[in-house]
Amino acid sequence: MENHDNNPNKRQGKDNGFEAQMKVVFKAFYEQPKTMLMVSNETGILRANICRYVAKWRENNRVEPVKTDYCKITKHPADYLTTNENLFPKSNQLKMF
């Protein structure tokens, strides 16, 4: 007999491990500015997922690039990102409000 799990109380989508991954990635960027590949290698989380989280955080101003430098892994130019607001670069543009 086949087992069909049609339980309406079973949550689908949002809470399938991605929330926990987001917390781990956020913390990794918070500790020290890093590239997405550096965080991927450090955490074991796919870089595609990290890109998705960073895109979401950029919409909410939760992550900022600190510098563009050569990645320690690829040796190619890449953005070093941080989620630590104390490390966000200071804008030299005037704020209207």
Protein backbone atom coordinates (compact mmCIF):
# COMPACT_ATOMS: atom_id res chain seq x y z
CA MET A 1 0.00 0.00 0.00
CA GLU A 2 1.30 3.45 -0.89
CA ASN A 3 1.88 6.04 1.79
CA HIS A 4 0.40 9.39 0.78
CA ASP A 5 1.11 12.08 3.31
CA ASN A 6 -1.79 14.45 2.70
CA ASN A 7 -1.79 15.93 6.17
CA PRO A 8 -3.13 19.50 5.85
CA ASN A 9 -1.22 20.54 8.98
CA LYS A 10 2.13 19.70 7.39
CA ARG A 11 3.87 22.94 6.44
CA GLN A 12 5.36 23.18 3.01
CA GLY A 13 7.75 25.68 1.57
CA LYS A 14 9.20 28.10 4.05
CA ASP A 15 10.36 25.89 6.92
CA ASN A 16 12.29 23.16 5.15
CA GLY A 17 15.73 23.99 6.50
CA PHE A 18 16.16 27.31 4.75
CA GLU A 19 15.41 29.39 7.86
CA ALA A 20 18.21 27.61 9.73
CA GLN A 21 20.54 28.07 6.75
CA MET A 22 19.74 31.78 6.60
CA LYS A 23 20.73 32.18 10.26
CA VAL A 24 24.03 30.37 9.71
CA VAL A 25 24.84 32.47 6.62
CA PHE A 26 23.83 35.72 8.33
CA LYS A 27 26.14 34.91 11.25
CA ALA A 28 29.02 34.03 8.93
CA PHE A 29 28.77 37.42 7.19
CA TYR A 30 28.35 39.14 10.57
CA GLU A 31 31.56 37.77 12.05
CA GLN A 32 33.80 39.13 9.30
CA PRO A 33 33.31 40.43 5.73
CA LYS A 34 33.54 37.52 3.30
CA THR A 35 32.68 36.58 -0.25
CA MET A 36 29.72 34.32 -0.93
CA LEU A 37 32.05 31.50 -1.97
CA MET A 38 34.04 31.84 1.25
CA VAL A 39 30.81 31.50 3.26
CA SER A 40 29.74 28.55 1.12
CA ASN A 41 33.01 26.73 1.78
CA GLU A 42 32.90 27.59 5.48
CA THR A 43 29.29 26.51 6.06
CA GLY A 44 28.75 23.82 3.44
CA ILE A 45 25.66 25.67 2.19
CA LEU A 46 25.25 25.89 -1.57
CA ARG A 47 26.32 29.21 -3.05
CA ALA A 48 23.04 29.40 -4.97
CA ASN A 49 21.17 29.49 -1.66
CA ILE A 50 23.55 32.12 -0.28
CA CYS A 51 22.96 34.27 -3.38
CA ARG A 52 19.22 34.01 -2.78
CA TYR A 53 19.58 35.05 0.88
CA VAL A 54 21.86 37.96 0.00
CA ALA A 55 19.40 39.20 -2.64
CA LYS A 56 16.61 39.12 -0.06
CA TRP A 57 18.74 40.95 2.53
CA ARG A 58 19.79 43.60 0.02
CA GLU A 59 16.12 44.48 -0.52
CA ASN A 60 15.84 45.10 3.23
CA ASN A 61 19.27 46.78 3.64
CA ARG A 62 20.48 43.96 5.90
CA VAL A 63 23.72 43.29 3.98
CA GLU A 64 26.23 45.63 2.38
CA PRO A 65 29.41 45.22 0.38
CA VAL A 66 32.36 46.52 2.39
CA LYS A 67 34.98 46.28 -0.32
CA THR A 68 35.80 44.68 -3.63
CA ASP A 69 38.99 42.69 -3.47
CA TYR A 70 40.43 39.45 -4.72
CA CYS A 71 38.67 36.42 -3.27
CA LYS A 72 41.04 34.25 -1.26
CA ILE A 73 39.62 31.15 -2.96
CA THR A 74 39.13 32.08 -6.61
CA LYS A 75 41.75 34.85 -6.83
CA HIS A 76 39.22 36.89 -8.84
CA PRO A 77 37.63 40.23 -7.85
CA ALA A 78 34.57 39.81 -5.66
CA ASP A 79 32.49 41.78 -3.18
CA TYR A 80 33.22 41.19 0.49
CA LEU A 81 29.85 41.39 2.25
CA THR A 82 28.84 41.99 5.84
CA THR A 83 25.61 41.85 7.82
CA ASN A 84 27.19 43.75 10.71
CA GLU A 85 25.68 47.25 10.54
CA ASN A 86 28.69 48.66 12.41
CA LEU A 87 30.82 47.76 9.39
CA PHE A 88 28.49 49.19 6.74
CA PRO A 89 30.26 51.89 4.72
CA LYS A 90 29.24 55.42 5.56
CA SER A 91 27.40 57.08 2.71
CA ASN A 92 28.74 60.43 1.57
CA GLN A 93 25.40 61.34 0.06
CA LEU A 94 23.04 63.67 1.84
CA LYS A 95 19.96 62.13 3.33
CA MET A 96 16.81 64.12 2.71
CA PHE A 97 14.79 62.88 5.67
